[in-house]
Amino acid sequence: MRKVRKRCGLSQKKMAAMLGIATSTYQYYERGERDTPAHIFCKLVTMFKVSPRWLLTGEGEMFMDLESAPSEDETLRAIISFIRAIWDKGNEKEKNWFEIQFQKCFPEFAERRNTRT
């Protein structure tokens, strides 16, 4: 996150405000003292056009080439494929983290799931 912020010429305060979080919370994420929630990663991708691949792995270009950016369907398939791969080989802690983040992003999923159990 720090590399993105620096490359965009933003202060921590400004970056936090753009992401809709407290500056202190942003600082925890940037220092790696807290896990960055999925919805913050999504904001980085959509607001700053950061490559999801670079964000998750550090590989490839930091920013997306918008002219050759994949369509929404391709992006969705890539995200699902990535989550499925981690889910299939992940441990319970990783699975729990994904589920919590998903429920934070989509509270209606949590509500629907709770009514089924």
PDB file of N, CA and C in Angstrom:
ATOM      1  N   MET A   1       0.816  -1.185   0.000  1.00  0.00           N
ATOM      2  CA  MET A   1       0.000   0.000   0.000  1.00  0.00           C
ATOM      3  C   MET A   1       0.869   1.263   0.000  1.00  0.00           C
ATOM      4  N   ARG A   2       1.973   1.173   0.702  1.00  0.00           N
ATOM      5  CA  ARG A   2       2.856   2.332   0.771  1.00  0.00           C
ATOM      6  C   ARG A   2       3.383   2.704  -0.614  1.00  0.00           C
ATOM      7  N   LYS A   3       3.766   1.693  -1.389  1.00  0.00           N
ATOM      8  CA  LYS A   3       4.291   1.966  -2.728  1.00  0.00           C
ATOM      9  C   LYS A   3       3.248   2.656  -3.600  1.00  0.00           C
ATOM     10  N   VAL A   4       2.005   2.222  -3.504  1.00  0.00           N
ATOM     11  CA  VAL A   4       0.922   2.839  -4.274  1.00  0.00           C
ATOM     12  C   VAL A   4       0.744   4.282  -3.824  1.00  0.00           C
ATOM     13  N   ARG A   5       0.686   4.485  -2.526  1.00  0.00           N
ATOM     14  CA  ARG A   5       0.489   5.834  -1.981  1.00  0.00           C
ATOM     15  C   ARG A   5       1.611   6.767  -2.410  1.00  0.00           C
ATOM     16  N   LYS A   6       2.851   6.310  -2.275  1.00  0.00           N
ATOM     17  CA  LYS A   6       4.004   7.133  -2.652  1.00  0.00           C
ATOM     18  C   LYS A   6       3.976   7.442  -4.146  1.00  0.00           C
ATOM     19  N   ARG A   7       3.679   6.420  -4.943  1.00  0.00           N
ATOM     20  CA  ARG A   7       3.651   6.601  -6.403  1.00  0.00           C
ATOM     21  C   ARG A   7       2.578   7.607  -6.810  1.00  0.00           C
ATOM     22  N   CYS A   8       1.489   7.675  -6.036  1.00  0.00           N
ATOM     23  CA  CYS A   8       0.403   8.618  -6.326  1.00  0.00           C
ATOM     24  C   CYS A   8       0.643   9.982  -5.682  1.00  0.00           C
ATOM     25  N   GLY A   9       1.725  10.090  -4.901  1.00  0.00           N
ATOM     26  CA  GLY A   9       2.062  11.365  -4.275  1.00  0.00           C
ATOM     27  C   GLY A   9       1.112  11.777  -3.178  1.00  0.00           C
ATOM     28  N   LEU A  10       0.598  10.802  -2.428  1.00  0.00           N
ATOM     29  CA  LEU A  10      -0.385  11.084  -1.384  1.00  0.00           C
ATOM     30  C   LEU A  10       0.214  10.916   0.003  1.00  0.00           C
ATOM     31  N   SER A  11      -0.293  11.692   0.943  1.00  0.00           N
ATOM     32  CA  SER A  11       0.069  11.504   2.345  1.00  0.00           C
ATOM     33  C   SER A  11      -0.766  10.342   2.895  1.00  0.00           C
ATOM     34  N   GLN A  12      -0.368   9.832   4.044  1.00  0.00           N
ATOM     35  CA  GLN A  12      -1.158   8.779   4.676  1.00  0.00           C
ATOM     36  C   GLN A  12      -2.555   9.296   5.010  1.00  0.00           C
ATOM     37  N   LYS A  13      -2.641  10.531   5.458  1.00  0.00           N
ATOM     38  CA  LYS A  13      -3.933  11.126   5.821  1.00  0.00           C
ATOM     39  C   LYS A  13      -4.845  11.202   4.604  1.00  0.00           C
ATOM     40  N   LYS A  14      -4.307  11.657   3.476  1.00  0.00           N
ATOM     41  CA  LYS A  14      -5.107  11.790   2.256  1.00  0.00           C
ATOM     42  C   LYS A  14      -5.522  10.415   1.735  1.00  0.00           C
ATOM     43  N   MET A  15      -4.609   9.460   1.741  1.00  0.00           N
ATOM     44  CA  MET A  15      -4.920   8.108   1.274  1.00  0.00           C
ATOM     45  C   MET A  15      -6.015   7.494   2.139  1.00  0.00           C
ATOM     46  N   ALA A  16      -5.898   7.641   3.453  1.00  0.00           N
ATOM     47  CA  ALA A  16      -6.907   7.110   4.370  1.00  0.00           C
ATOM     48  C   ALA A  16      -8.274   7.733   4.085  1.00  0.00           C
ATOM     49  N   ALA A  17      -8.288   9.035   3.882  1.00  0.00           N
ATOM     50  CA  ALA A  17      -9.552   9.721   3.594  1.00  0.00           C
ATOM     51  C   ALA A  17     -10.162   9.205   2.294  1.00  0.00           C
ATOM     52  N   MET A  18      -9.343   8.999   1.283  1.00  0.00           N
ATOM     53  CA  MET A  18      -9.851   8.503   0.008  1.00  0.00           C
ATOM     54  C   MET A  18     -10.410   7.087   0.141  1.00  0.00           C
ATOM     55  N   LEU A  19      -9.821   6.294   1.042  1.00  0.00           N
ATOM     56  CA  LEU A  19     -10.285   4.924   1.265  1.00  0.00           C
ATOM     57  C   LEU A  19     -11.436   4.860   2.268  1.00  0.00           C
ATOM     58  N   GLY A  20     -11.728   5.986   2.907  1.00  0.00           N
ATOM     59  CA  GLY A  20     -12.841   6.034   3.857  1.00  0.00           C
ATOM     60  C   GLY A  20     -12.540   5.391   5.197  1.00  0.00           C
ATOM     61  N   ILE A  21     -11.276   5.470   5.619  1.00  0.00           N
ATOM     62  CA  ILE A  21     -10.882   4.883   6.901  1.00  0.00           C
ATOM     63  C   ILE A  21     -10.083   5.905   7.698  1.00  0.00           C
ATOM     64  N   ALA A  22      -9.928   5.640   8.984  1.00  0.00           N
ATOM     65  CA  ALA A  22      -9.128   6.523   9.841  1.00  0.00           C
ATOM     66  C   ALA A  22      -7.655   6.435   9.456  1.00  0.00           C
ATOM     67  N   THR A  23      -6.944   7.529   9.642  1.00  0.00           N
ATOM     68  CA  THR A  23      -5.517   7.553   9.327  1.00  0.00           C
ATOM     69  C   THR A  23      -4.772   6.481  10.117  1.00  0.00           C
ATOM     70  N   SER A  24      -5.102   6.335  11.392  1.00  0.00           N
ATOM     71  CA  SER A  24      -4.409   5.337  12.220  1.00  0.00           C
ATOM     72  C   SER A  24      -4.665   3.917  11.695  1.00  0.00           C
ATOM     73  N   THR A  25      -5.869   3.656  11.228  1.00  0.00           N
ATOM     74  CA  THR A  25      -6.190   2.339  10.663  1.00  0.00           C
ATOM     75  C   THR A  25      -5.367   2.117   9.407  1.00  0.00           C
ATOM     76  N   TYR A  26      -5.313   3.135   8.550  1.00  0.00           N
ATOM     77  CA  TYR A  26      -4.503   3.022   7.339  1.00  0.00           C
ATOM     78  C   TYR A  26      -3.044   2.729   7.695  1.00  0.00           C
ATOM     79  N   GLN A  27      -2.517   3.404   8.703  1.00  0.00           N
ATOM     80  CA  GLN A  27      -1.121   3.207   9.099  1.00  0.00           C
ATOM     81  C   GLN A  27      -0.871   1.769   9.551  1.00  0.00           C
ATOM     82  N   TYR A  28      -1.824   1.187  10.270  1.00  0.00           N
ATOM     83  CA  TYR A  28      -1.687  -0.224  10.662  1.00  0.00           C
ATOM     84  C   TYR A  28      -1.583  -1.111   9.427  1.00  0.00           C
ATOM     85  N   TYR A  29      -2.449  -0.866   8.437  1.00  0.00           N
ATOM     86  CA  TYR A  29      -2.423  -1.670   7.209  1.00  0.00           C
ATOM     87  C   TYR A  29      -1.098  -1.492   6.477  1.00  0.00           C
ATOM     88  N   GLU A  30      -0.657  -0.249   6.367  1.00  0.00           N
ATOM     89  CA  GLU A  30       0.562   0.033   5.616  1.00  0.00           C
ATOM     90  C   GLU A  30       1.782  -0.608   6.274  1.00  0.00           C
ATOM     91  N   ARG A  31       1.808  -0.634   7.578  1.00  0.00           N
ATOM     92  CA  ARG A  31       2.933  -1.250   8.298  1.00  0.00           C
ATOM     93  C   ARG A  31       2.800  -2.767   8.400  1.00  0.00           C
ATOM     94  N   GLY A  32       1.658  -3.289   7.987  1.00  0.00           N
ATOM     95  CA  GLY A  32       1.455  -4.732   8.066  1.00  0.00           C
ATOM     96  C   GLY A  32       1.112  -5.221   9.459  1.00  0.00           C
ATOM     97  N   GLU A  33       0.675  -4.315  10.309  1.00  0.00           N
ATOM     98  CA  GLU A  33       0.320  -4.681  11.682  1.00  0.00           C
ATOM     99  C   GLU A  33      -1.085  -5.246  11.787  1.00  0.00           C
ATOM    100  N   ARG A  34      -1.889  -5.027  10.753  1.00  0.00           N
ATOM    101  CA  ARG A  34      -3.232  -5.608  10.650  1.00  0.00           C
ATOM    102  C   ARG A  34      -3.415  -6.102   9.227  1.00  0.00           C
ATOM    103  N   ASP A  35      -4.222  -7.155   9.085  1.00  0.00           N
ATOM    104  CA  ASP A  35      -4.555  -7.634   7.749  1.00  0.00           C
ATOM    105  C   ASP A  35      -5.442  -6.603   7.065  1.00  0.00           C
ATOM    106  N   THR A  36      -5.131  -6.337   5.814  1.00  0.00           N
ATOM    107  CA  THR A  36      -5.930  -5.394   5.040  1.00  0.00           C
ATOM    108  C   THR A  36      -7.190  -6.102   4.559  1.00  0.00           C
ATOM    109  N   PRO A  37      -8.369  -5.561   4.867  1.00  0.00           N
ATOM    110  CA  PRO A  37      -9.612  -6.209   4.447  1.00  0.00           C
ATOM    111  C   PRO A  37      -9.782  -6.188   2.924  1.00  0.00           C
ATOM    112  N   ALA A  38     -10.530  -7.145   2.445  1.00  0.00           N
ATOM    113  CA  ALA A  38     -10.759  -7.283   1.007  1.00  0.00           C
ATOM    114  C   ALA A  38     -11.377  -6.032   0.410  1.00  0.00           C
ATOM    115  N   HIS A  39     -12.288  -5.376   1.132  1.00  0.00           N
ATOM    116  CA  HIS A  39     -12.933  -4.197   0.554  1.00  0.00           C
ATOM    117  C   HIS A  39     -11.946  -3.050   0.342  1.00  0.00           C
ATOM    118  N   ILE A  40     -10.872  -2.994   1.130  1.00  0.00           N
ATOM    119  CA  ILE A  40      -9.845  -1.971   0.920  1.00  0.00           C
ATOM    120  C   ILE A  40      -9.035  -2.322  -0.325  1.00  0.00           C
ATOM    121  N   PHE A  41      -8.718  -3.609  -0.511  1.00  0.00           N
ATOM    122  CA  PHE A  41      -8.040  -4.028  -1.742  1.00  0.00           C
ATOM    123  C   PHE A  41      -8.896  -3.669  -2.957  1.00  0.00           C
ATOM    124  N   CYS A  42     -10.189  -3.907  -2.854  1.00  0.00           N
ATOM    125  CA  CYS A  42     -11.094  -3.581  -3.969  1.00  0.00           C
ATOM    126  C   CYS A  42     -11.069  -2.095  -4.281  1.00  0.00           C
ATOM    127  N   LYS A  43     -11.036  -1.268  -3.244  1.00  0.00           N
ATOM    128  CA  LYS A  43     -10.968   0.175  -3.470  1.00  0.00           C
ATOM    129  C   LYS A  43      -9.660   0.570  -4.149  1.00  0.00           C
ATOM    130  N   LEU A  44      -8.560  -0.051  -3.748  1.00  0.00           N
ATOM    131  CA  LEU A  44      -7.278   0.257  -4.387  1.00  0.00           C
ATOM    132  C   LEU A  44      -7.318  -0.080  -5.870  1.00  0.00           C
ATOM    133  N   VAL A  45      -7.934  -1.207  -6.189  1.00  0.00           N
ATOM    134  CA  VAL A  45      -8.037  -1.624  -7.588  1.00  0.00           C
ATOM    135  C   VAL A  45      -8.918  -0.661  -8.370  1.00  0.00           C
ATOM    136  N   THR A  46     -10.088  -0.336  -7.833  1.00  0.00           N
ATOM    137  CA  THR A  46     -11.025   0.494  -8.587  1.00  0.00           C
ATOM    138  C   THR A  46     -10.657   1.971  -8.586  1.00  0.00           C
ATOM    139  N   MET A  47     -10.206   2.497  -7.455  1.00  0.00           N
ATOM    140  CA  MET A  47      -9.909   3.929  -7.371  1.00  0.00           C
ATOM    141  C   MET A  47      -8.585   4.303  -8.016  1.00  0.00           C
ATOM    142  N   PHE A  48      -7.582   3.440  -7.834  1.00  0.00           N
ATOM    143  CA  PHE A  48      -6.242   3.785  -8.285  1.00  0.00           C
ATOM    144  C   PHE A  48      -5.777   2.941  -9.475  1.00  0.00           C
ATOM    145  N   LYS A  49      -6.643   2.029  -9.916  1.00  0.00           N
ATOM    146  CA  LYS A  49      -6.327   1.150 -11.054  1.00  0.00           C
ATOM    147  C   LYS A  49      -5.064   0.326 -10.799  1.00  0.00           C
ATOM    148  N   VAL A  50      -4.928  -0.114  -9.543  1.00  0.00           N
ATOM    149  CA  VAL A  50      -3.809  -0.978  -9.172  1.00  0.00           C
ATOM    150  C   VAL A  50      -4.111  -2.377  -9.681  1.00  0.00           C
ATOM    151  N   SER A  51      -3.117  -3.021 -10.234  1.00  0.00           N
ATOM    152  CA  SER A  51      -3.281  -4.374 -10.743  1.00  0.00           C
ATOM    153  C   SER A  51      -3.568  -5.321  -9.585  1.00  0.00           C
ATOM    154  N   PRO A  52      -4.661  -6.094  -9.646  1.00  0.00           N
ATOM    155  CA  PRO A  52      -4.928  -7.065  -8.568  1.00  0.00           C
ATOM    156  C   PRO A  52      -3.779  -8.054  -8.402  1.00  0.00           C
ATOM    157  N   ARG A  53      -3.183  -8.460  -9.511  1.00  0.00           N
ATOM    158  CA  ARG A  53      -2.057  -9.404  -9.450  1.00  0.00           C
ATOM    159  C   ARG A  53      -0.900  -8.800  -8.668  1.00  0.00           C
ATOM    160  N   TRP A  54      -0.557  -7.554  -8.968  1.00  0.00           N
ATOM    161  CA  TRP A  54       0.542  -6.906  -8.256  1.00  0.00           C
ATOM    162  C   TRP A  54       0.201  -6.739  -6.782  1.00  0.00           C
ATOM    163  N   LEU A  55      -1.018  -6.356  -6.503  1.00  0.00           N
ATOM    164  CA  LEU A  55      -1.448  -6.115  -5.134  1.00  0.00           C
ATOM    165  C   LEU A  55      -1.353  -7.381  -4.281  1.00  0.00           C
ATOM    166  N   LEU A  56      -1.723  -8.514  -4.862  1.00  0.00           N
ATOM    167  CA  LEU A  56      -1.737  -9.772  -4.110  1.00  0.00           C
ATOM    168  C   LEU A  56      -0.399 -10.498  -4.098  1.00  0.00           C
ATOM    169  N   THR A  57       0.390 -10.337  -5.177  1.00  0.00           N
ATOM    170  CA  THR A  57       1.627 -11.117  -5.275  1.00  0.00           C
ATOM    171  C   THR A  57       2.890 -10.271  -5.368  1.00  0.00           C
ATOM    172  N   GLY A  58       2.733  -8.981  -5.723  1.00  0.00           N
ATOM    173  CA  GLY A  58       3.902  -8.139  -5.940  1.00  0.00           C
ATOM    174  C   GLY A  58       4.546  -8.363  -7.303  1.00  0.00           C
ATOM    175  N   GLU A  59       3.907  -9.168  -8.133  1.00  0.00           N
ATOM    176  CA  GLU A  59       4.448  -9.482  -9.460  1.00  0.00           C
ATOM    177  C   GLU A  59       3.759  -8.654 -10.530  1.00  0.00           C
ATOM    178  N   GLY A  60       4.469  -8.400 -11.618  1.00  0.00           N
ATOM    179  CA  GLY A  60       3.903  -7.661 -12.735  1.00  0.00           C
ATOM    180  C   GLY A  60       3.919  -6.167 -12.491  1.00  0.00           C
ATOM    181  N   GLU A  61       3.171  -5.448 -13.302  1.00  0.00           N
ATOM    182  CA  GLU A  61       3.104  -3.994 -13.205  1.00  0.00           C
ATOM    183  C   GLU A  61       2.188  -3.566 -12.052  1.00  0.00           C
ATOM    184  N   MET A  62       2.545  -2.461 -11.415  1.00  0.00           N
ATOM    185  CA  MET A  62       1.753  -1.968 -10.294  1.00  0.00           C
ATOM    186  C   MET A  62       0.374  -1.492 -10.756  1.00  0.00           C
ATOM    187  N   PHE A  63       0.346  -0.796 -11.870  1.00  0.00           N
ATOM    188  CA  PHE A  63      -0.916  -0.240 -12.340  1.00  0.00           C
ATOM    189  C   PHE A  63      -1.370  -0.956 -13.598  1.00  0.00           C
ATOM    190  N   MET A  64      -2.688  -1.049 -13.737  1.00  0.00           N
ATOM    191  CA  MET A  64      -3.262  -1.725 -14.896  1.00  0.00           C
ATOM    192  C   MET A  64      -3.080  -0.882 -16.147  1.00  0.00           C
ATOM    193  N   ASP A  65      -2.838  -1.566 -17.247  1.00  0.00           N
ATOM    194  CA  ASP A  65      -2.848  -0.937 -18.557  1.00  0.00           C
ATOM    195  C   ASP A  65      -4.310  -0.913 -18.970  1.00  0.00           C
ATOM    196  N   LEU A  66      -4.934   0.250 -18.900  1.00  0.00           N
ATOM    197  CA  LEU A  66      -6.376   0.328 -19.104  1.00  0.00           C
ATOM    198  C   LEU A  66      -6.802  -0.059 -20.512  1.00  0.00           C
ATOM    199  N   GLU A  67      -5.918   0.129 -21.486  1.00  0.00           N
ATOM    200  CA  GLU A  67      -6.279  -0.238 -22.855  1.00  0.00           C
ATOM    201  C   GLU A  67      -6.360  -1.747 -23.034  1.00  0.00           C
ATOM    202  N   SER A  68      -5.549  -2.474 -22.280  1.00  0.00           N
ATOM    203  CA  SER A  68      -5.584  -3.925 -22.407  1.00  0.00           C
ATOM    204  C   SER A  68      -6.151  -4.594 -21.157  1.00  0.00           C
ATOM    205  N   ALA A  69      -6.822  -3.792 -20.325  1.00  0.00           N
ATOM    206  CA  ALA A  69      -7.409  -4.344 -19.106  1.00  0.00           C
ATOM    207  C   ALA A  69      -8.478  -5.377 -19.458  1.00  0.00           C
ATOM    208  N   PRO A  70      -8.569  -6.442 -18.678  1.00  0.00           N
ATOM    209  CA  PRO A  70      -9.581  -7.454 -18.968  1.00  0.00           C
ATOM    210  C   PRO A  70     -10.979  -6.911 -18.757  1.00  0.00           C
ATOM    211  N   SER A  71     -11.939  -7.533 -19.426  1.00  0.00           N
ATOM    212  CA  SER A  71     -13.331  -7.135 -19.240  1.00  0.00           C
ATOM    213  C   SER A  71     -13.761  -7.509 -17.828  1.00  0.00           C
ATOM    214  N   GLU A  72     -14.924  -7.015 -17.419  1.00  0.00           N
ATOM    215  CA  GLU A  72     -15.420  -7.332 -16.077  1.00  0.00           C
ATOM    216  C   GLU A  72     -15.609  -8.833 -15.907  1.00  0.00           C
ATOM    217  N   ASP A  73     -16.101  -9.526 -16.960  1.00  0.00           N
ATOM    218  CA  ASP A  73     -16.285 -10.977 -16.871  1.00  0.00           C
ATOM    219  C   ASP A  73     -14.959 -11.683 -16.655  1.00  0.00           C
ATOM    220  N   GLU A  74     -13.911 -11.251 -17.390  1.00  0.00           N
ATOM    221  CA  GLU A  74     -12.595 -11.869 -17.228  1.00  0.00           C
ATOM    222  C   GLU A  74     -12.032 -11.588 -15.842  1.00  0.00           C
ATOM    223  N   THR A  75     -12.232 -10.371 -15.367  1.00  0.00           N
ATOM    224  CA  THR A  75     -11.755 -10.008 -14.033  1.00  0.00           C
ATOM    225  C   THR A  75     -12.459 -10.836 -12.969  1.00  0.00           C
ATOM    226  N   LEU A  76     -13.773 -10.981 -13.096  1.00  0.00           N
ATOM    227  CA  LEU A  76     -14.537 -11.771 -12.141  1.00  0.00           C
ATOM    228  C   LEU A  76     -14.074 -13.224 -12.152  1.00  0.00           C
ATOM    229  N   ARG A  77     -13.874 -13.784 -13.333  1.00  0.00           N
ATOM    230  CA  ARG A  77     -13.386 -15.170 -13.415  1.00  0.00           C
ATOM    231  C   ARG A  77     -12.012 -15.304 -12.760  1.00  0.00           C
ATOM    232  N   ALA A  78     -11.141 -14.316 -12.966  1.00  0.00           N
ATOM    233  CA  ALA A  78      -9.805 -14.363 -12.365  1.00  0.00           C
ATOM    234  C   ALA A  78      -9.890 -14.290 -10.843  1.00  0.00           C
ATOM    235  N   ILE A  79     -10.767 -13.436 -10.336  1.00  0.00           N
ATOM    236  CA  ILE A  79     -10.928 -13.311  -8.881  1.00  0.00           C
ATOM    237  C   ILE A  79     -11.463 -14.620  -8.295  1.00  0.00           C
ATOM    238  N   ILE A  80     -12.479 -15.186  -8.924  1.00  0.00           N
ATOM    239  CA  ILE A  80     -13.056 -16.443  -8.446  1.00  0.00           C
ATOM    240  C   ILE A  80     -12.021 -17.558  -8.500  1.00  0.00           C
ATOM    241  N   SER A  81     -11.263 -17.602  -9.569  1.00  0.00           N
ATOM    242  CA  SER A  81     -10.227 -18.628  -9.708  1.00  0.00           C
ATOM    243  C   SER A  81      -9.176 -18.488  -8.614  1.00  0.00           C
ATOM    244  N   PHE A  82      -8.769 -17.258  -8.333  1.00  0.00           N
ATOM    245  CA  PHE A  82      -7.775 -17.007  -7.295  1.00  0.00           C
ATOM    246  C   PHE A  82      -8.295 -17.444  -5.929  1.00  0.00           C
ATOM    247  N   ILE A  83      -9.524 -17.056  -5.609  1.00  0.00           N
ATOM    248  CA  ILE A  83     -10.114 -17.422  -4.312  1.00  0.00           C
ATOM    249  C   ILE A  83     -10.279 -18.931  -4.216  1.00  0.00           C
ATOM    250  N   ARG A  84     -10.745 -19.550  -5.293  1.00  0.00           N
ATOM    251  CA  ARG A  84     -10.933 -21.002  -5.293  1.00  0.00           C
ATOM    252  C   ARG A  84      -9.604 -21.728  -5.048  1.00  0.00           C
ATOM    253  N   ALA A  85      -8.526 -21.259  -5.679  1.00  0.00           N
ATOM    254  CA  ALA A  85      -7.213 -21.897  -5.501  1.00  0.00           C
ATOM    255  C   ALA A  85      -6.743 -21.779  -4.060  1.00  0.00           C
ATOM    256  N   ILE A  86      -6.914 -20.614  -3.474  1.00  0.00           N
ATOM    257  CA  ILE A  86      -6.518 -20.443  -2.075  1.00  0.00           C
ATOM    258  C   ILE A  86      -7.415 -21.270  -1.170  1.00  0.00           C
ATOM    259  N   TRP A  87      -8.703 -21.278  -1.464  1.00  0.00           N
ATOM    260  CA  TRP A  87      -9.652 -22.035  -0.643  1.00  0.00           C
ATOM    261  C   TRP A  87      -9.325 -23.525  -0.670  1.00  0.00           C
ATOM    262  N   ASP A  88      -9.012 -24.041  -1.868  1.00  0.00           N
ATOM    263  CA  ASP A  88      -8.735 -25.474  -2.014  1.00  0.00           C
ATOM    264  C   ASP A  88      -7.478 -25.907  -1.273  1.00  0.00           C
ATOM    265  N   LYS A  89      -6.468 -25.053  -1.244  1.00  0.00           N
ATOM    266  CA  LYS A  89      -5.231 -25.463  -0.574  1.00  0.00           C
ATOM    267  C   LYS A  89      -4.996 -24.732   0.738  1.00  0.00           C
ATOM    268  N   GLY A  90      -5.909 -23.819   1.077  1.00  0.00           N
ATOM    269  CA  GLY A  90      -5.737 -23.007   2.264  1.00  0.00           C
ATOM    270  C   GLY A  90      -6.052 -23.729   3.559  1.00  0.00           C
ATOM    271  N   ASN A  91      -5.539 -23.159   4.613  1.00  0.00           N
ATOM    272  CA  ASN A  91      -5.843 -23.703   5.931  1.00  0.00           C
ATOM    273  C   ASN A  91      -7.104 -23.041   6.467  1.00  0.00           C
ATOM    274  N   GLU A  92      -7.570 -23.478   7.600  1.00  0.00           N
ATOM    275  CA  GLU A  92      -8.821 -22.964   8.168  1.00  0.00           C
ATOM    276  C   GLU A  92      -8.741 -21.482   8.489  1.00  0.00           C
ATOM    277  N   LYS A  93      -7.576 -20.990   8.899  1.00  0.00           N
ATOM    278  CA  LYS A  93      -7.421 -19.565   9.209  1.00  0.00           C
ATOM    279  C   LYS A  93      -7.648 -18.723   7.947  1.00  0.00           C
ATOM    280  N   GLU A  94      -7.067 -19.144   6.819  1.00  0.00           N
ATOM    281  CA  GLU A  94      -7.263 -18.409   5.572  1.00  0.00           C
ATOM    282  C   GLU A  94      -8.715 -18.465   5.114  1.00  0.00           C
ATOM    283  N   LYS A  95      -9.326 -19.625   5.234  1.00  0.00           N
ATOM    284  CA  LYS A  95     -10.730 -19.760   4.839  1.00  0.00           C
ATOM    285  C   LYS A  95     -11.614 -18.860   5.701  1.00  0.00           C
ATOM    286  N   ASN A  96     -11.351 -18.829   6.991  1.00  0.00           N
ATOM    287  CA  ASN A  96     -12.117 -17.996   7.903  1.00  0.00           C
ATOM    288  C   ASN A  96     -11.935 -16.517   7.555  1.00  0.00           C
ATOM    289  N   TRP A  97     -10.689 -16.117   7.242  1.00  0.00           N
ATOM    290  CA  TRP A  97     -10.418 -14.739   6.869  1.00  0.00           C
ATOM    291  C   TRP A  97     -11.216 -14.345   5.629  1.00  0.00           C
ATOM    292  N   PHE A  98     -11.202 -15.202   4.599  1.00  0.00           N
ATOM    293  CA  PHE A  98     -11.945 -14.911   3.377  1.00  0.00           C
ATOM    294  C   PHE A  98     -13.439 -14.767   3.669  1.00  0.00           C
ATOM    295  N   GLU A  99     -13.964 -15.667   4.469  1.00  0.00           N
ATOM    296  CA  GLU A  99     -15.396 -15.624   4.771  1.00  0.00           C
ATOM    297  C   GLU A  99     -15.759 -14.351   5.522  1.00  0.00           C
ATOM    298  N   ILE A 100     -14.949 -13.961   6.485  1.00  0.00           N
ATOM    299  CA  ILE A 100     -15.212 -12.738   7.246  1.00  0.00           C
ATOM    300  C   ILE A 100     -15.160 -11.516   6.336  1.00  0.00           C
ATOM    301  N   GLN A 101     -14.147 -11.456   5.477  1.00  0.00           N
ATOM    302  CA  GLN A 101     -14.027 -10.308   4.569  1.00  0.00           C
ATOM    303  C   GLN A 101     -15.206 -10.242   3.608  1.00  0.00           C
ATOM    304  N   PHE A 102     -15.611 -11.393   3.108  1.00  0.00           N
ATOM    305  CA  PHE A 102     -16.741 -11.438   2.184  1.00  0.00           C
ATOM    306  C   PHE A 102     -18.007 -10.946   2.878  1.00  0.00           C
ATOM    307  N   GLN A 103     -18.206 -11.381   4.098  1.00  0.00           N
ATOM    308  CA  GLN A 103     -19.395 -10.970   4.843  1.00  0.00           C
ATOM    309  C   GLN A 103     -19.367  -9.477   5.152  1.00  0.00           C
ATOM    310  N   LYS A 104     -18.179  -8.911   5.377  1.00  0.00           N
ATOM    311  CA  LYS A 104     -18.075  -7.469   5.599  1.00  0.00           C
ATOM    312  C   LYS A 104     -18.441  -6.703   4.340  1.00  0.00           C
ATOM    313  N   CYS A 105     -18.004  -7.207   3.202  1.00  0.00           N
ATOM    314  CA  CYS A 105     -18.300  -6.536   1.928  1.00  0.00           C
ATOM    315  C   CYS A 105     -19.755  -6.723   1.522  1.00  0.00           C
ATOM    316  N   PHE A 106     -20.312  -7.885   1.852  1.00  0.00           N
ATOM    317  CA  PHE A 106     -21.670  -8.226   1.422  1.00  0.00           C
ATOM    318  C   PHE A 106     -22.476  -8.737   2.604  1.00  0.00           C
ATOM    319  N   PRO A 107     -22.964  -7.817   3.449  1.00  0.00           N
ATOM    320  CA  PRO A 107     -23.700  -8.241   4.645  1.00  0.00           C
ATOM    321  C   PRO A 107     -24.937  -9.063   4.321  1.00  0.00           C
ATOM    322  N   GLU A 108     -25.519  -8.855   3.133  1.00  0.00           N
ATOM    323  CA  GLU A 108     -26.701  -9.643   2.772  1.00  0.00           C
ATOM    324  C   GLU A 108     -26.354 -11.130   2.641  1.00  0.00           C
ATOM    325  N   PHE A 109     -25.099 -11.443   2.298  1.00  0.00           N
ATOM    326  CA  PHE A 109     -24.656 -12.835   2.240  1.00  0.00           C
ATOM    327  C   PHE A 109     -24.708 -13.453   3.630  1.00  0.00           C
ATOM    328  N   ALA A 110     -24.208 -12.723   4.611  1.00  0.00           N
ATOM    329  CA  ALA A 110     -24.216 -13.223   5.987  1.00  0.00           C
ATOM    330  C   ALA A 110     -25.639 -13.430   6.482  1.00  0.00           C
ATOM    331  N   GLU A 111     -26.519 -12.474   6.180  1.00  0.00           N
ATOM    332  CA  GLU A 111     -27.926 -12.592   6.596  1.00  0.00           C
ATOM    333  C   GLU A 111     -28.578 -13.815   5.955  1.00  0.00           C
ATOM    334  N   ARG A 112     -28.348 -13.992   4.662  1.00  0.00           N
ATOM    335  CA  ARG A 112     -28.935 -15.115   3.950  1.00  0.00           C
ATOM    336  C   ARG A 112     -28.392 -16.441   4.483  1.00  0.00           C
ATOM    337  N   ARG A 113     -27.107 -16.456   4.783  1.00  0.00           N
ATOM    338  CA  ARG A 113     -26.483 -17.680   5.299  1.00  0.00           C
ATOM    339  C   ARG A 113     -27.021 -18.027   6.670  1.00  0.00           C
ATOM    340  N   ASN A 114     -27.214 -17.018   7.511  1.00  0.00           N
ATOM    341  CA  ASN A 114     -27.714 -17.251   8.867  1.00  0.00           C
ATOM    342  C   ASN A 114     -29.153 -17.768   8.872  1.00  0.00           C
ATOM    343  N   THR A 115     -29.953 -17.391   7.891  1.00  0.00           N
ATOM    344  CA  THR A 115     -31.344 -17.859   7.854  1.00  0.00           C
ATOM    345  C   THR A 115     -31.421 -19.312   7.406  1.00  0.00           C
ATOM    346  N   ARG A 116     -30.382 -19.803   6.735  1.00  0.00           N
ATOM    347  CA  ARG A 116     -30.364 -21.198   6.280  1.00  0.00           C
ATOM    348  C   ARG A 116     -29.943 -22.158   7.386  1.00  0.00           C
ATOM    349  N   THR A 117     -29.187 -21.660   8.364  1.00  0.00           N
ATOM    350  CA  THR A 117     -28.697 -22.557   9.417  1.00  0.00           C
ATOM    351  C   THR A 117     -29.597 -22.555  10.615  1.00  0.00           C
TER     352      THR A 117
END
